[in-house]
Amino acid sequence: MTGNHDYILKIVLPRVEHYDVIYKQIVRKLELFDVSASISMEELKHGMAIPVGYVR
Protein backbone atom coordinates (compact mmCIF):
# COMPACT_ATOMS: atom_id res chain seq x y z
CA MET A 1 0.00 0.00 0.00
CA THR A 2 1.08 3.54 -0.57
CA GLY A 3 -0.29 6.79 0.70
CA ASN A 4 -1.62 7.74 4.12
CA HIS A 5 -3.01 4.34 5.18
CA ASP A 6 -1.02 1.92 7.32
CA TYR A 7 -3.81 -0.59 7.98
CA ILE A 8 -7.26 -1.19 6.53
CA LEU A 9 -9.77 -3.36 8.39
CA LYS A 10 -12.83 -4.75 6.68
CA ILE A 11 -15.39 -5.61 9.33
CA VAL A 12 -18.84 -7.03 8.59
CA LEU A 13 -21.36 -6.33 11.34
CA PRO A 14 -25.08 -7.02 11.67
CA ARG A 15 -25.88 -3.40 12.55
CA VAL A 16 -23.97 -0.13 12.19
CA GLU A 17 -24.33 0.46 15.95
CA HIS A 18 -21.95 -2.47 16.56
CA TYR A 19 -19.12 -0.46 14.99
CA ASP A 20 -18.90 1.68 18.12
CA VAL A 21 -18.34 -1.42 20.26
CA ILE A 22 -15.50 -2.64 18.02
CA TYR A 23 -13.94 0.84 17.78
CA LYS A 24 -13.87 1.24 21.59
CA GLN A 25 -12.20 -2.17 21.99
CA ILE A 26 -9.50 -1.26 19.47
CA VAL A 27 -8.66 2.17 20.93
CA ARG A 28 -8.45 0.71 24.45
CA LYS A 29 -5.70 -1.68 23.32
CA LEU A 30 -3.74 0.38 20.77
CA GLU A 31 -2.24 3.85 20.67
CA LEU A 32 -3.76 5.38 17.54
CA PHE A 33 -2.91 8.78 16.12
CA ASP A 34 -5.54 9.05 13.40
CA VAL A 35 -8.62 6.94 12.67
CA SER A 36 -11.06 7.29 9.81
CA ALA A 37 -14.02 5.13 8.86
CA SER A 38 -16.08 4.49 5.76
CA ILE A 39 -19.32 2.63 6.24
CA SER A 40 -21.13 0.82 3.45
CA MET A 41 -24.81 0.13 4.02
CA GLU A 42 -25.04 -2.64 1.42
CA GLU A 43 -22.78 -5.21 -0.17
CA LEU A 44 -22.14 -4.55 -3.86
CA LYS A 45 -19.59 -7.29 -4.48
CA HIS A 46 -18.46 -10.18 -2.31
CA GLY A 47 -14.92 -11.47 -2.65
CA MET A 48 -11.98 -10.50 -4.81
CA ALA A 49 -12.10 -13.23 -7.46
CA ILE A 50 -12.45 -12.38 -11.13
CA PRO A 51 -14.41 -14.92 -13.19
CA VAL A 52 -12.09 -16.67 -15.67
CA GLY A 53 -14.50 -16.00 -18.55
CA TYR A 54 -13.80 -12.24 -18.27
CA VAL A 55 -10.03 -12.53 -18.70
CA ARG A 56 -8.83 -12.21 -22.29
C-alpha atoms as a PDB file:
ATOM      1  CA  MET A   1       0.000   0.000   0.000  1.00  0.00           C
ATOM      2  CA  THR A   2       1.078   3.536  -0.572  1.00  0.00           C
ATOM      3  CA  GLY A   3      -0.288   6.792   0.702  1.00  0.00           C
ATOM      4  CA  ASN A   4      -1.625   7.736   4.120  1.00  0.00           C
ATOM      5  CA  HIS A   5      -3.010   4.342   5.178  1.00  0.00           C
ATOM      6  CA  ASP A   6      -1.021   1.923   7.318  1.00  0.00           C
ATOM      7  CA  TYR A   7      -3.806  -0.589   7.978  1.00  0.00           C
ATOM      8  CA  ILE A   8      -7.255  -1.187   6.533  1.00  0.00           C
ATOM      9  CA  LEU A   9      -9.769  -3.357   8.389  1.00  0.00           C
ATOM     10  CA  LYS A  10     -12.833  -4.752   6.682  1.00  0.00           C
ATOM     11  CA  ILE A  11     -15.392  -5.611   9.334  1.00  0.00           C
ATOM     12  CA  VAL A  12     -18.837  -7.029   8.586  1.00  0.00           C
ATOM     13  CA  LEU A  13     -21.355  -6.325  11.345  1.00  0.00           C
ATOM     14  CA  PRO A  14     -25.077  -7.024  11.668  1.00  0.00           C
ATOM     15  CA  ARG A  15     -25.875  -3.401  12.554  1.00  0.00           C
ATOM     16  CA  VAL A  16     -23.967  -0.131  12.192  1.00  0.00           C
ATOM     17  CA  GLU A  17     -24.327   0.456  15.946  1.00  0.00           C
ATOM     18  CA  HIS A  18     -21.948  -2.467  16.560  1.00  0.00           C
ATOM     19  CA  TYR A  19     -19.121  -0.458  14.988  1.00  0.00           C
ATOM     20  CA  ASP A  20     -18.900   1.683  18.121  1.00  0.00           C
ATOM     21  CA  VAL A  21     -18.339  -1.421  20.261  1.00  0.00           C
ATOM     22  CA  ILE A  22     -15.501  -2.641  18.019  1.00  0.00           C
ATOM     23  CA  TYR A  23     -13.944   0.836  17.782  1.00  0.00           C
ATOM     24  CA  LYS A  24     -13.874   1.238  21.587  1.00  0.00           C
ATOM     25  CA  GLN A  25     -12.199  -2.168  21.992  1.00  0.00           C
ATOM     26  CA  ILE A  26      -9.496  -1.257  19.471  1.00  0.00           C
ATOM     27  CA  VAL A  27      -8.663   2.173  20.931  1.00  0.00           C
ATOM     28  CA  ARG A  28      -8.445   0.711  24.454  1.00  0.00           C
ATOM     29  CA  LYS A  29      -5.696  -1.680  23.320  1.00  0.00           C
ATOM     30  CA  LEU A  30      -3.744   0.376  20.772  1.00  0.00           C
ATOM     31  CA  GLU A  31      -2.237   3.847  20.666  1.00  0.00           C
ATOM     32  CA  LEU A  32      -3.755   5.382  17.535  1.00  0.00           C
ATOM     33  CA  PHE A  33      -2.909   8.784  16.119  1.00  0.00           C
ATOM     34  CA  ASP A  34      -5.543   9.047  13.402  1.00  0.00           C
ATOM     35  CA  VAL A  35      -8.617   6.945  12.674  1.00  0.00           C
ATOM     36  CA  SER A  36     -11.060   7.290   9.809  1.00  0.00           C
ATOM     37  CA  ALA A  37     -14.016   5.129   8.864  1.00  0.00           C
ATOM     38  CA  SER A  38     -16.078   4.493   5.758  1.00  0.00           C
ATOM     39  CA  ILE A  39     -19.316   2.625   6.238  1.00  0.00           C
ATOM     40  CA  SER A  40     -21.131   0.820   3.453  1.00  0.00           C
ATOM     41  CA  MET A  41     -24.805   0.129   4.020  1.00  0.00           C
ATOM     42  CA  GLU A  42     -25.041  -2.641   1.421  1.00  0.00           C
ATOM     43  CA  GLU A  43     -22.779  -5.209  -0.173  1.00  0.00           C
ATOM     44  CA  LEU A  44     -22.143  -4.548  -3.857  1.00  0.00           C
ATOM     45  CA  LYS A  45     -19.586  -7.291  -4.481  1.00  0.00           C
ATOM     46  CA  HIS A  46     -18.462 -10.175  -2.314  1.00  0.00           C
ATOM     47  CA  GLY A  47     -14.915 -11.466  -2.646  1.00  0.00           C
ATOM     48  CA  MET A  48     -11.978 -10.498  -4.809  1.00  0.00           C
ATOM     49  CA  ALA A  49     -12.103 -13.235  -7.464  1.00  0.00           C
ATOM     50  CA  ILE A  50     -12.450 -12.378 -11.126  1.00  0.00           C
ATOM     51  CA  PRO A  51     -14.415 -14.924 -13.191  1.00  0.00           C
ATOM     52  CA  VAL A  52     -12.094 -16.668 -15.671  1.00  0.00           C
ATOM     53  CA  GLY A  53     -14.503 -15.996 -18.546  1.00  0.00           C
ATOM     54  CA  TYR A  54     -13.805 -12.237 -18.267  1.00  0.00           C
ATOM     55  CA  VAL A  55     -10.025 -12.528 -18.703  1.00  0.00           C
ATOM     56  CA  ARG A  56      -8.831 -12.206 -22.294  1.00  0.00           C
END
